[in-house]
N, C-alpha and C. Protein backbone atom coordinates (compact mmCIF):
# COMPACT_ATOMS: atom_id res chain seq x y z
N UNK A 1 14.21 -67.47 -66.32
CA UNK A 1 12.79 -67.17 -66.30
C UNK A 1 12.01 -68.36 -66.87
N UNK A 2 12.59 -69.07 -67.80
CA UNK A 2 11.87 -70.20 -68.38
C UNK A 2 11.97 -71.41 -67.46
N UNK A 3 13.20 -71.72 -66.99
CA UNK A 3 13.41 -72.91 -66.16
C UNK A 3 12.80 -72.73 -64.76
N UNK A 4 12.91 -71.52 -64.21
CA UNK A 4 12.38 -71.25 -62.88
C UNK A 4 11.49 -70.00 -62.93
N UNK A 5 10.23 -70.17 -63.32
CA UNK A 5 9.32 -69.02 -63.41
C UNK A 5 9.15 -68.36 -62.03
N UNK A 6 8.94 -67.08 -62.05
CA UNK A 6 8.70 -66.35 -60.81
C UNK A 6 7.34 -66.76 -60.24
N UNK A 7 7.17 -66.58 -58.92
CA UNK A 7 5.89 -66.94 -58.30
C UNK A 7 4.76 -66.05 -58.80
N UNK A 8 5.05 -64.79 -59.01
CA UNK A 8 4.02 -63.84 -59.45
C UNK A 8 4.02 -63.75 -60.98
N UNK A 9 2.93 -64.18 -61.62
CA UNK A 9 2.85 -64.06 -63.08
C UNK A 9 2.99 -62.61 -63.55
N UNK A 10 2.50 -61.70 -62.75
CA UNK A 10 2.57 -60.28 -63.11
C UNK A 10 4.04 -59.84 -63.16
N UNK A 11 4.82 -60.22 -62.15
CA UNK A 11 6.24 -59.86 -62.12
C UNK A 11 6.98 -60.53 -63.27
N UNK A 12 6.63 -61.77 -63.54
CA UNK A 12 7.25 -62.51 -64.65
C UNK A 12 6.97 -61.79 -65.96
N UNK A 13 5.73 -61.36 -66.16
CA UNK A 13 5.36 -60.67 -67.39
C UNK A 13 6.15 -59.37 -67.53
N UNK A 14 6.29 -58.64 -66.43
CA UNK A 14 7.06 -57.38 -66.48
C UNK A 14 8.53 -57.65 -66.80
N UNK A 15 9.08 -58.71 -66.23
CA UNK A 15 10.47 -59.07 -66.48
C UNK A 15 10.67 -59.43 -67.96
N UNK A 16 9.75 -60.22 -68.51
CA UNK A 16 9.84 -60.59 -69.92
C UNK A 16 9.73 -59.35 -70.80
N UNK A 17 8.81 -58.48 -70.45
CA UNK A 17 8.65 -57.24 -71.21
C UNK A 17 9.93 -56.42 -71.18
N UNK A 18 10.57 -56.34 -70.01
CA UNK A 18 11.84 -55.60 -69.90
C UNK A 18 12.92 -56.21 -70.79
N UNK A 19 12.97 -57.53 -70.82
CA UNK A 19 13.96 -58.22 -71.65
C UNK A 19 13.69 -57.93 -73.13
N UNK A 20 12.42 -57.98 -73.52
CA UNK A 20 12.07 -57.69 -74.92
C UNK A 20 12.43 -56.24 -75.28
N UNK A 21 12.23 -55.34 -74.35
CA UNK A 21 12.58 -53.93 -74.59
C UNK A 21 14.08 -53.79 -74.80
N UNK A 22 14.85 -54.48 -73.98
CA UNK A 22 16.31 -54.44 -74.13
C UNK A 22 16.73 -54.99 -75.50
N UNK A 23 16.07 -56.06 -75.93
CA UNK A 23 16.38 -56.63 -77.24
C UNK A 23 16.14 -55.58 -78.32
N UNK A 24 15.00 -54.92 -78.24
CA UNK A 24 14.68 -53.91 -79.25
C UNK A 24 15.70 -52.78 -79.24
N UNK A 25 16.15 -52.38 -78.05
CA UNK A 25 17.15 -51.32 -77.96
C UNK A 25 18.48 -51.76 -78.57
N UNK A 26 18.84 -53.01 -78.32
CA UNK A 26 20.07 -53.54 -78.91
C UNK A 26 19.95 -53.58 -80.44
N UNK A 27 18.78 -53.95 -80.88
CA UNK A 27 18.55 -54.07 -82.31
C UNK A 27 18.65 -52.70 -83.00
N UNK A 28 18.31 -51.63 -82.28
CA UNK A 28 18.38 -50.28 -82.85
C UNK A 28 19.80 -49.73 -82.83
N UNK A 29 20.58 -50.15 -81.84
CA UNK A 29 21.90 -49.55 -81.66
C UNK A 29 22.98 -50.18 -82.54
N UNK A 30 22.76 -51.37 -83.03
CA UNK A 30 23.76 -52.02 -83.89
C UNK A 30 23.04 -52.55 -85.13
N UNK A 31 23.74 -53.36 -85.87
CA UNK A 31 23.07 -53.91 -87.04
C UNK A 31 22.00 -54.91 -86.59
N UNK A 32 20.95 -55.05 -87.34
CA UNK A 32 19.86 -55.93 -86.94
C UNK A 32 20.33 -57.37 -86.71
N UNK A 33 19.70 -58.00 -85.74
CA UNK A 33 20.05 -59.39 -85.43
C UNK A 33 19.65 -60.29 -86.60
N UNK A 34 20.30 -61.39 -86.68
CA UNK A 34 19.97 -62.32 -87.76
C UNK A 34 18.58 -62.92 -87.51
N UNK A 35 17.99 -63.43 -88.57
CA UNK A 35 16.66 -64.04 -88.47
C UNK A 35 16.69 -65.22 -87.50
N UNK A 36 17.77 -66.00 -87.51
CA UNK A 36 17.89 -67.15 -86.59
C UNK A 36 17.91 -66.69 -85.14
N UNK A 37 18.69 -65.61 -84.87
CA UNK A 37 18.77 -65.08 -83.50
C UNK A 37 17.38 -64.60 -83.05
N UNK A 38 16.71 -63.88 -83.94
CA UNK A 38 15.39 -63.38 -83.58
C UNK A 38 14.42 -64.52 -83.32
N UNK A 39 14.42 -65.55 -84.17
CA UNK A 39 13.54 -66.70 -83.99
C UNK A 39 13.82 -67.41 -82.67
N UNK A 40 15.09 -67.55 -82.32
CA UNK A 40 15.45 -68.18 -81.04
C UNK A 40 14.96 -67.32 -79.87
N UNK A 41 15.22 -66.03 -79.95
CA UNK A 41 14.80 -65.12 -78.89
C UNK A 41 13.27 -65.13 -78.75
N UNK A 42 12.58 -65.07 -79.85
CA UNK A 42 11.12 -65.05 -79.84
C UNK A 42 10.56 -66.35 -79.26
N UNK A 43 11.16 -67.47 -79.63
CA UNK A 43 10.73 -68.77 -79.12
C UNK A 43 10.92 -68.84 -77.61
N UNK A 44 12.06 -68.35 -77.12
CA UNK A 44 12.33 -68.37 -75.68
C UNK A 44 11.37 -67.45 -74.91
N UNK A 45 11.11 -66.27 -75.44
CA UNK A 45 10.18 -65.37 -74.73
C UNK A 45 8.76 -65.95 -74.73
N UNK A 46 8.38 -66.62 -75.80
CA UNK A 46 7.06 -67.26 -75.81
C UNK A 46 6.95 -68.34 -74.75
N UNK A 47 8.03 -69.11 -74.56
CA UNK A 47 8.05 -70.13 -73.50
C UNK A 47 7.98 -69.47 -72.13
N UNK A 48 8.68 -68.37 -71.97
CA UNK A 48 8.69 -67.66 -70.69
C UNK A 48 7.30 -67.08 -70.37
N UNK A 49 6.53 -66.75 -71.42
CA UNK A 49 5.18 -66.20 -71.22
C UNK A 49 4.18 -67.26 -70.75
N UNK A 50 4.44 -68.53 -71.03
CA UNK A 50 3.46 -69.59 -70.72
C UNK A 50 2.92 -69.52 -69.30
N UNK A 51 3.76 -69.38 -68.25
CA UNK A 51 3.21 -69.31 -66.89
C UNK A 51 2.31 -68.07 -66.67
N UNK A 52 2.47 -67.07 -67.50
CA UNK A 52 1.68 -65.84 -67.36
C UNK A 52 0.32 -65.94 -68.04
N UNK A 53 0.17 -66.88 -68.96
CA UNK A 53 -1.03 -66.97 -69.78
C UNK A 53 -2.29 -67.07 -68.91
N UNK A 54 -2.27 -67.95 -67.92
CA UNK A 54 -3.44 -68.14 -67.06
C UNK A 54 -3.78 -66.83 -66.33
N UNK A 55 -2.77 -66.15 -65.85
CA UNK A 55 -2.97 -64.87 -65.17
C UNK A 55 -3.64 -63.87 -66.10
N UNK A 56 -3.13 -63.74 -67.32
CA UNK A 56 -3.69 -62.78 -68.27
C UNK A 56 -5.08 -63.20 -68.76
N UNK A 57 -5.32 -64.50 -68.86
CA UNK A 57 -6.66 -64.97 -69.21
C UNK A 57 -7.66 -64.60 -68.11
N UNK A 58 -7.24 -64.76 -66.84
CA UNK A 58 -8.10 -64.38 -65.71
C UNK A 58 -8.34 -62.88 -65.73
N UNK A 59 -7.27 -62.12 -65.97
CA UNK A 59 -7.39 -60.66 -66.02
C UNK A 59 -8.33 -60.24 -67.15
N UNK A 60 -8.22 -60.89 -68.30
CA UNK A 60 -9.10 -60.57 -69.42
C UNK A 60 -10.54 -60.89 -69.06
N UNK A 61 -10.77 -62.01 -68.40
CA UNK A 61 -12.12 -62.39 -67.99
C UNK A 61 -12.69 -61.37 -67.02
N UNK A 62 -11.88 -60.88 -66.10
CA UNK A 62 -12.32 -59.85 -65.16
C UNK A 62 -12.70 -58.58 -65.92
N UNK A 63 -11.88 -58.19 -66.88
CA UNK A 63 -12.16 -56.97 -67.66
C UNK A 63 -13.44 -57.11 -68.46
N UNK A 64 -13.67 -58.28 -69.03
CA UNK A 64 -14.89 -58.51 -69.80
C UNK A 64 -16.10 -58.45 -68.87
N UNK A 65 -15.99 -59.08 -67.70
CA UNK A 65 -17.07 -59.04 -66.72
C UNK A 65 -17.33 -57.61 -66.26
N UNK A 66 -16.26 -56.85 -66.02
CA UNK A 66 -16.41 -55.46 -65.61
C UNK A 66 -17.14 -54.65 -66.68
N UNK A 67 -16.82 -54.90 -67.94
CA UNK A 67 -17.51 -54.20 -69.03
C UNK A 67 -19.00 -54.54 -69.02
N UNK A 68 -19.34 -55.80 -68.77
CA UNK A 68 -20.74 -56.21 -68.71
C UNK A 68 -21.45 -55.51 -67.54
N UNK A 69 -20.76 -55.42 -66.40
CA UNK A 69 -21.34 -54.74 -65.24
C UNK A 69 -21.55 -53.25 -65.52
N UNK A 70 -20.62 -52.65 -66.24
CA UNK A 70 -20.77 -51.24 -66.60
C UNK A 70 -21.94 -51.04 -67.55
N UNK A 71 -22.16 -51.99 -68.46
CA UNK A 71 -23.31 -51.94 -69.35
C UNK A 71 -24.61 -51.96 -68.52
N UNK A 72 -24.65 -52.80 -67.48
CA UNK A 72 -25.82 -52.86 -66.61
C UNK A 72 -26.06 -51.52 -65.92
N UNK A 73 -24.98 -50.87 -65.50
CA UNK A 73 -25.08 -49.56 -64.85
C UNK A 73 -25.65 -48.54 -65.82
N UNK A 74 -25.18 -48.57 -67.06
CA UNK A 74 -25.70 -47.66 -68.08
C UNK A 74 -27.21 -47.88 -68.26
N UNK A 75 -27.62 -49.14 -68.33
CA UNK A 75 -29.05 -49.45 -68.47
C UNK A 75 -29.84 -48.99 -67.25
N UNK A 76 -29.24 -49.15 -66.09
CA UNK A 76 -29.87 -48.71 -64.84
C UNK A 76 -30.07 -47.18 -64.85
N UNK A 77 -29.07 -46.46 -65.31
CA UNK A 77 -29.18 -45.00 -65.41
C UNK A 77 -30.30 -44.63 -66.38
N UNK A 78 -30.31 -45.29 -67.54
CA UNK A 78 -31.35 -45.00 -68.53
C UNK A 78 -32.75 -45.26 -67.97
N UNK A 79 -32.90 -46.35 -67.22
CA UNK A 79 -34.19 -46.65 -66.60
C UNK A 79 -34.55 -45.58 -65.57
N UNK A 80 -33.59 -45.19 -64.78
CA UNK A 80 -33.84 -44.20 -63.75
C UNK A 80 -34.22 -42.85 -64.36
N UNK A 81 -33.51 -42.47 -65.43
CA UNK A 81 -33.77 -41.19 -66.09
C UNK A 81 -35.22 -41.12 -66.56
N UNK A 82 -35.75 -42.23 -66.97
CA UNK A 82 -37.12 -42.25 -67.46
C UNK A 82 -38.12 -41.91 -66.34
N UNK A 83 -37.72 -42.11 -65.07
CA UNK A 83 -38.66 -41.93 -63.97
C UNK A 83 -38.27 -40.87 -62.93
N UNK A 84 -36.98 -40.55 -62.82
CA UNK A 84 -36.52 -39.70 -61.73
C UNK A 84 -35.37 -38.79 -62.16
N UNK A 85 -34.90 -37.99 -61.19
CA UNK A 85 -33.71 -37.18 -61.39
C UNK A 85 -33.12 -36.86 -60.03
N UNK A 86 -31.84 -37.19 -59.82
CA UNK A 86 -31.24 -36.96 -58.51
C UNK A 86 -29.73 -36.97 -58.59
N UNK A 87 -29.12 -36.02 -57.90
CA UNK A 87 -27.66 -35.96 -57.86
C UNK A 87 -27.10 -37.12 -57.04
N UNK A 88 -27.84 -37.54 -56.01
CA UNK A 88 -27.39 -38.66 -55.18
C UNK A 88 -27.35 -39.93 -56.01
N UNK A 89 -28.31 -40.09 -56.88
CA UNK A 89 -28.32 -41.26 -57.75
C UNK A 89 -27.06 -41.30 -58.61
N UNK A 90 -26.68 -40.15 -59.16
CA UNK A 90 -25.46 -40.09 -59.97
C UNK A 90 -24.24 -40.47 -59.15
N UNK A 91 -24.17 -39.98 -57.94
CA UNK A 91 -23.03 -40.33 -57.07
C UNK A 91 -22.97 -41.83 -56.82
N UNK A 92 -24.14 -42.42 -56.53
CA UNK A 92 -24.18 -43.86 -56.25
C UNK A 92 -23.77 -44.67 -57.49
N UNK A 93 -24.29 -44.28 -58.66
CA UNK A 93 -23.93 -45.03 -59.86
C UNK A 93 -22.47 -44.83 -60.22
N UNK A 94 -21.91 -43.64 -59.95
CA UNK A 94 -20.49 -43.43 -60.23
C UNK A 94 -19.64 -44.33 -59.33
N UNK A 95 -20.02 -44.45 -58.06
CA UNK A 95 -19.28 -45.34 -57.15
C UNK A 95 -19.34 -46.79 -57.66
N UNK A 96 -20.50 -47.21 -58.12
CA UNK A 96 -20.62 -48.56 -58.68
C UNK A 96 -19.78 -48.69 -59.95
N UNK A 97 -19.82 -47.66 -60.79
CA UNK A 97 -19.06 -47.63 -62.05
C UNK A 97 -17.58 -47.84 -61.77
N UNK A 98 -17.06 -47.14 -60.78
CA UNK A 98 -15.64 -47.21 -60.45
C UNK A 98 -15.26 -48.61 -59.94
N UNK A 99 -16.21 -49.29 -59.33
CA UNK A 99 -15.95 -50.62 -58.78
C UNK A 99 -15.63 -51.63 -59.87
N UNK A 100 -16.15 -51.40 -61.07
CA UNK A 100 -15.96 -52.35 -62.16
C UNK A 100 -14.90 -51.86 -63.14
N UNK A 101 -13.72 -51.65 -62.62
CA UNK A 101 -12.57 -51.24 -63.43
C UNK A 101 -11.45 -52.21 -63.11
N UNK A 102 -10.60 -52.52 -64.01
CA UNK A 102 -10.49 -52.03 -65.38
C UNK A 102 -11.36 -52.83 -66.34
N UNK A 103 -11.44 -52.32 -67.56
CA UNK A 103 -12.09 -53.02 -68.67
C UNK A 103 -11.10 -53.08 -69.83
N UNK A 104 -11.41 -53.87 -70.83
CA UNK A 104 -10.53 -53.95 -71.99
C UNK A 104 -10.44 -52.59 -72.67
N UNK A 105 -9.28 -52.26 -73.18
CA UNK A 105 -9.07 -50.97 -73.85
C UNK A 105 -10.08 -50.76 -74.97
N UNK A 106 -10.39 -51.84 -75.70
CA UNK A 106 -11.32 -51.71 -76.83
C UNK A 106 -12.73 -51.36 -76.37
N UNK A 107 -13.07 -51.65 -75.12
CA UNK A 107 -14.41 -51.36 -74.59
C UNK A 107 -14.47 -50.02 -73.87
N UNK A 108 -13.34 -49.52 -73.41
CA UNK A 108 -13.32 -48.35 -72.51
C UNK A 108 -14.00 -47.13 -73.11
N UNK A 109 -13.60 -46.69 -74.29
CA UNK A 109 -14.17 -45.47 -74.87
C UNK A 109 -15.65 -45.62 -75.17
N UNK A 110 -16.05 -46.78 -75.68
CA UNK A 110 -17.46 -47.03 -76.00
C UNK A 110 -18.30 -46.97 -74.72
N UNK A 111 -17.82 -47.61 -73.66
CA UNK A 111 -18.56 -47.61 -72.40
C UNK A 111 -18.60 -46.22 -71.77
N UNK A 112 -17.47 -45.52 -71.79
CA UNK A 112 -17.40 -44.18 -71.19
C UNK A 112 -18.38 -43.25 -71.92
N UNK A 113 -18.40 -43.35 -73.24
CA UNK A 113 -19.28 -42.50 -74.03
C UNK A 113 -20.75 -42.82 -73.73
N UNK A 114 -21.09 -44.08 -73.68
CA UNK A 114 -22.47 -44.49 -73.38
C UNK A 114 -22.86 -44.07 -71.97
N UNK A 115 -21.94 -44.17 -71.03
CA UNK A 115 -22.17 -43.77 -69.64
C UNK A 115 -22.47 -42.26 -69.57
N UNK A 116 -21.64 -41.47 -70.25
CA UNK A 116 -21.85 -40.02 -70.24
C UNK A 116 -23.18 -39.64 -70.92
N UNK A 117 -23.53 -40.33 -72.00
CA UNK A 117 -24.80 -40.08 -72.68
C UNK A 117 -25.98 -40.42 -71.77
N UNK A 118 -25.85 -41.52 -71.03
CA UNK A 118 -26.93 -41.94 -70.14
C UNK A 118 -27.13 -40.93 -69.01
N UNK A 119 -26.06 -40.30 -68.57
CA UNK A 119 -26.13 -39.33 -67.47
C UNK A 119 -26.63 -37.95 -67.92
N UNK A 120 -26.54 -37.66 -69.20
CA UNK A 120 -26.87 -36.31 -69.69
C UNK A 120 -28.23 -35.79 -69.23
N UNK A 121 -29.30 -36.55 -69.38
CA UNK A 121 -30.61 -36.02 -68.94
C UNK A 121 -30.64 -35.67 -67.44
N UNK A 122 -29.97 -36.48 -66.65
CA UNK A 122 -29.94 -36.20 -65.21
C UNK A 122 -29.16 -34.91 -64.96
N UNK A 123 -28.01 -34.78 -65.60
CA UNK A 123 -27.21 -33.56 -65.42
C UNK A 123 -27.97 -32.32 -65.88
N UNK A 124 -28.71 -32.43 -66.98
CA UNK A 124 -29.50 -31.29 -67.46
C UNK A 124 -30.60 -30.92 -66.48
N UNK A 125 -31.25 -31.92 -65.90
CA UNK A 125 -32.30 -31.65 -64.91
C UNK A 125 -31.69 -30.99 -63.66
N UNK A 126 -30.51 -31.45 -63.28
CA UNK A 126 -29.83 -30.85 -62.13
C UNK A 126 -29.48 -29.40 -62.42
N UNK A 127 -28.98 -29.12 -63.63
CA UNK A 127 -28.65 -27.74 -64.00
C UNK A 127 -29.89 -26.85 -63.97
N UNK A 128 -31.03 -27.36 -64.45
CA UNK A 128 -32.27 -26.57 -64.42
C UNK A 128 -32.66 -26.26 -62.97
N UNK A 129 -32.57 -27.28 -62.12
CA UNK A 129 -32.92 -27.08 -60.71
C UNK A 129 -31.96 -26.08 -60.07
N UNK A 130 -30.67 -26.20 -60.37
CA UNK A 130 -29.68 -25.26 -59.82
C UNK A 130 -29.97 -23.84 -60.29
N UNK A 131 -30.40 -23.68 -61.53
CA UNK A 131 -30.71 -22.34 -62.04
C UNK A 131 -31.90 -21.73 -61.29
N UNK A 132 -32.88 -22.55 -60.98
CA UNK A 132 -34.03 -22.07 -60.19
C UNK A 132 -33.54 -21.59 -58.82
N UNK A 133 -32.65 -22.36 -58.20
CA UNK A 133 -32.11 -21.99 -56.89
C UNK A 133 -31.26 -20.72 -57.00
N UNK A 134 -30.46 -20.62 -58.06
CA UNK A 134 -29.62 -19.43 -58.27
C UNK A 134 -30.52 -18.19 -58.37
N UNK A 135 -31.59 -18.28 -59.13
CA UNK A 135 -32.51 -17.14 -59.27
C UNK A 135 -33.12 -16.77 -57.92
N UNK A 136 -33.51 -17.79 -57.15
CA UNK A 136 -34.09 -17.53 -55.82
C UNK A 136 -33.08 -16.86 -54.91
N UNK A 137 -31.84 -17.34 -54.95
CA UNK A 137 -30.80 -16.77 -54.08
C UNK A 137 -30.43 -15.36 -54.52
N UNK A 138 -30.44 -15.09 -55.81
CA UNK A 138 -30.17 -13.73 -56.27
C UNK A 138 -31.27 -12.78 -55.79
N UNK A 139 -32.50 -13.28 -55.76
CA UNK A 139 -33.61 -12.49 -55.21
C UNK A 139 -33.41 -12.20 -53.73
N UNK A 140 -32.92 -13.21 -53.00
CA UNK A 140 -32.65 -13.02 -51.57
C UNK A 140 -31.53 -12.00 -51.35
N UNK A 141 -30.52 -12.02 -52.21
CA UNK A 141 -29.43 -11.04 -52.12
C UNK A 141 -29.99 -9.63 -52.32
N UNK A 142 -30.87 -9.48 -53.27
CA UNK A 142 -31.49 -8.16 -53.51
C UNK A 142 -32.28 -7.71 -52.29
N UNK A 143 -33.00 -8.68 -51.66
CA UNK A 143 -33.76 -8.33 -50.45
C UNK A 143 -32.83 -7.91 -49.32
N UNK A 144 -31.67 -8.59 -49.18
CA UNK A 144 -30.71 -8.21 -48.13
C UNK A 144 -30.20 -6.80 -48.40
N UNK A 145 -29.91 -6.52 -49.67
CA UNK A 145 -29.41 -5.18 -50.01
C UNK A 145 -30.45 -4.09 -49.74
N UNK A 146 -31.72 -4.48 -49.78
CA UNK A 146 -32.76 -3.47 -49.57
C UNK A 146 -33.17 -3.32 -48.10
N UNK A 147 -32.57 -4.11 -47.22
CA UNK A 147 -32.88 -3.95 -45.78
C UNK A 147 -32.42 -2.56 -45.36
N UNK A 148 -33.39 -1.82 -44.85
CA UNK A 148 -33.08 -0.44 -44.48
C UNK A 148 -34.09 0.00 -43.42
N UNK A 149 -33.67 -0.07 -42.20
CA UNK A 149 -34.54 0.33 -41.11
C UNK A 149 -33.69 0.99 -40.04
N UNK A 150 -34.23 1.98 -39.39
CA UNK A 150 -33.48 2.67 -38.33
C UNK A 150 -33.30 1.78 -37.12
N UNK A 151 -34.19 0.84 -36.92
CA UNK A 151 -34.12 -0.05 -35.76
C UNK A 151 -33.25 -1.26 -36.11
N UNK A 152 -32.11 -1.39 -35.45
CA UNK A 152 -31.19 -2.50 -35.73
C UNK A 152 -31.82 -3.86 -35.48
N UNK A 153 -32.65 -3.97 -34.47
CA UNK A 153 -33.29 -5.26 -34.16
C UNK A 153 -34.19 -5.72 -35.33
N UNK A 154 -34.88 -4.79 -35.95
CA UNK A 154 -35.72 -5.11 -37.11
C UNK A 154 -34.84 -5.57 -38.27
N UNK A 155 -33.73 -4.86 -38.48
CA UNK A 155 -32.80 -5.24 -39.57
C UNK A 155 -32.22 -6.63 -39.33
N UNK A 156 -31.83 -6.91 -38.10
CA UNK A 156 -31.26 -8.22 -37.77
C UNK A 156 -32.30 -9.31 -37.99
N UNK A 157 -33.54 -9.07 -37.55
CA UNK A 157 -34.59 -10.07 -37.74
C UNK A 157 -34.84 -10.32 -39.23
N UNK A 158 -34.92 -9.25 -40.03
CA UNK A 158 -35.13 -9.41 -41.48
C UNK A 158 -33.96 -10.19 -42.10
N UNK A 159 -32.74 -9.85 -41.68
CA UNK A 159 -31.57 -10.54 -42.21
C UNK A 159 -31.61 -12.02 -41.83
N UNK A 160 -31.92 -12.34 -40.57
CA UNK A 160 -31.97 -13.75 -40.14
C UNK A 160 -33.06 -14.52 -40.87
N UNK A 161 -34.19 -13.88 -41.12
CA UNK A 161 -35.26 -14.54 -41.88
C UNK A 161 -34.79 -14.87 -43.30
N UNK A 162 -34.11 -13.89 -43.93
CA UNK A 162 -33.58 -14.13 -45.28
C UNK A 162 -32.49 -15.19 -45.27
N UNK A 163 -31.69 -15.20 -44.22
CA UNK A 163 -30.62 -16.21 -44.09
C UNK A 163 -31.23 -17.61 -44.01
N UNK A 164 -32.33 -17.76 -43.28
CA UNK A 164 -33.01 -19.06 -43.20
C UNK A 164 -33.59 -19.46 -44.55
N UNK A 165 -34.17 -18.50 -45.27
CA UNK A 165 -34.68 -18.78 -46.62
C UNK A 165 -33.54 -19.25 -47.52
N UNK A 166 -32.37 -18.62 -47.39
CA UNK A 166 -31.18 -18.97 -48.17
C UNK A 166 -30.82 -20.43 -47.93
N UNK A 167 -30.78 -20.81 -46.67
CA UNK A 167 -30.40 -22.19 -46.30
C UNK A 167 -31.40 -23.20 -46.85
N UNK A 168 -32.68 -22.82 -46.85
CA UNK A 168 -33.72 -23.74 -47.30
C UNK A 168 -33.94 -23.73 -48.81
N UNK A 169 -33.29 -22.82 -49.50
CA UNK A 169 -33.48 -22.70 -50.96
C UNK A 169 -32.89 -23.88 -51.72
N UNK A 170 -31.89 -24.53 -51.15
CA UNK A 170 -31.27 -25.66 -51.83
C UNK A 170 -29.91 -25.30 -52.39
N UNK A 171 -29.35 -26.23 -53.13
CA UNK A 171 -28.02 -26.07 -53.68
C UNK A 171 -28.08 -25.38 -55.04
N UNK A 172 -27.16 -24.44 -55.21
CA UNK A 172 -27.04 -23.77 -56.50
C UNK A 172 -25.86 -24.34 -57.28
N UNK A 173 -25.38 -25.48 -56.88
CA UNK A 173 -24.24 -26.10 -57.54
C UNK A 173 -22.94 -25.62 -56.96
N UNK A 174 -21.84 -26.16 -57.47
CA UNK A 174 -20.51 -25.81 -56.94
C UNK A 174 -20.12 -24.39 -57.26
N UNK A 175 -20.48 -23.91 -58.44
CA UNK A 175 -20.07 -22.58 -58.86
C UNK A 175 -20.93 -21.54 -58.18
């Protein structure tokens, strides 16, 4: 691995990690290796990691950039919340959010928390709107239950009118 590095830095890194894991397992199963053996092993694995460094530096840079892009999305949500409320907006920002993954582990929880906080006002407005629609639809259900006429054609017309009102009432959410 040191003399002839693999073409893929990612595969090389996984191979080195596997070798280090085997070392640790050997170290647990018998008496601990001598300090000289460990120093030699550690020095060799560090040399083997060298071709991977550029790959991991690029990956780290991508993760840092993704975190910055997610911060922009959070700010965009906060700006939008100040002026509007829309479920479609949330879907669009979530799609953008997903595009900027992965991020550094140290940034993930902070960003996720800030993202969820930024979305809260929109989600609350959506819930309020859904409750209004739920109340309207419950009223329509009561009207359907009260349809009572001897003439079937009148009942069908009343039912179809209520059905159209139902369709135009909007979404009451998934539940």
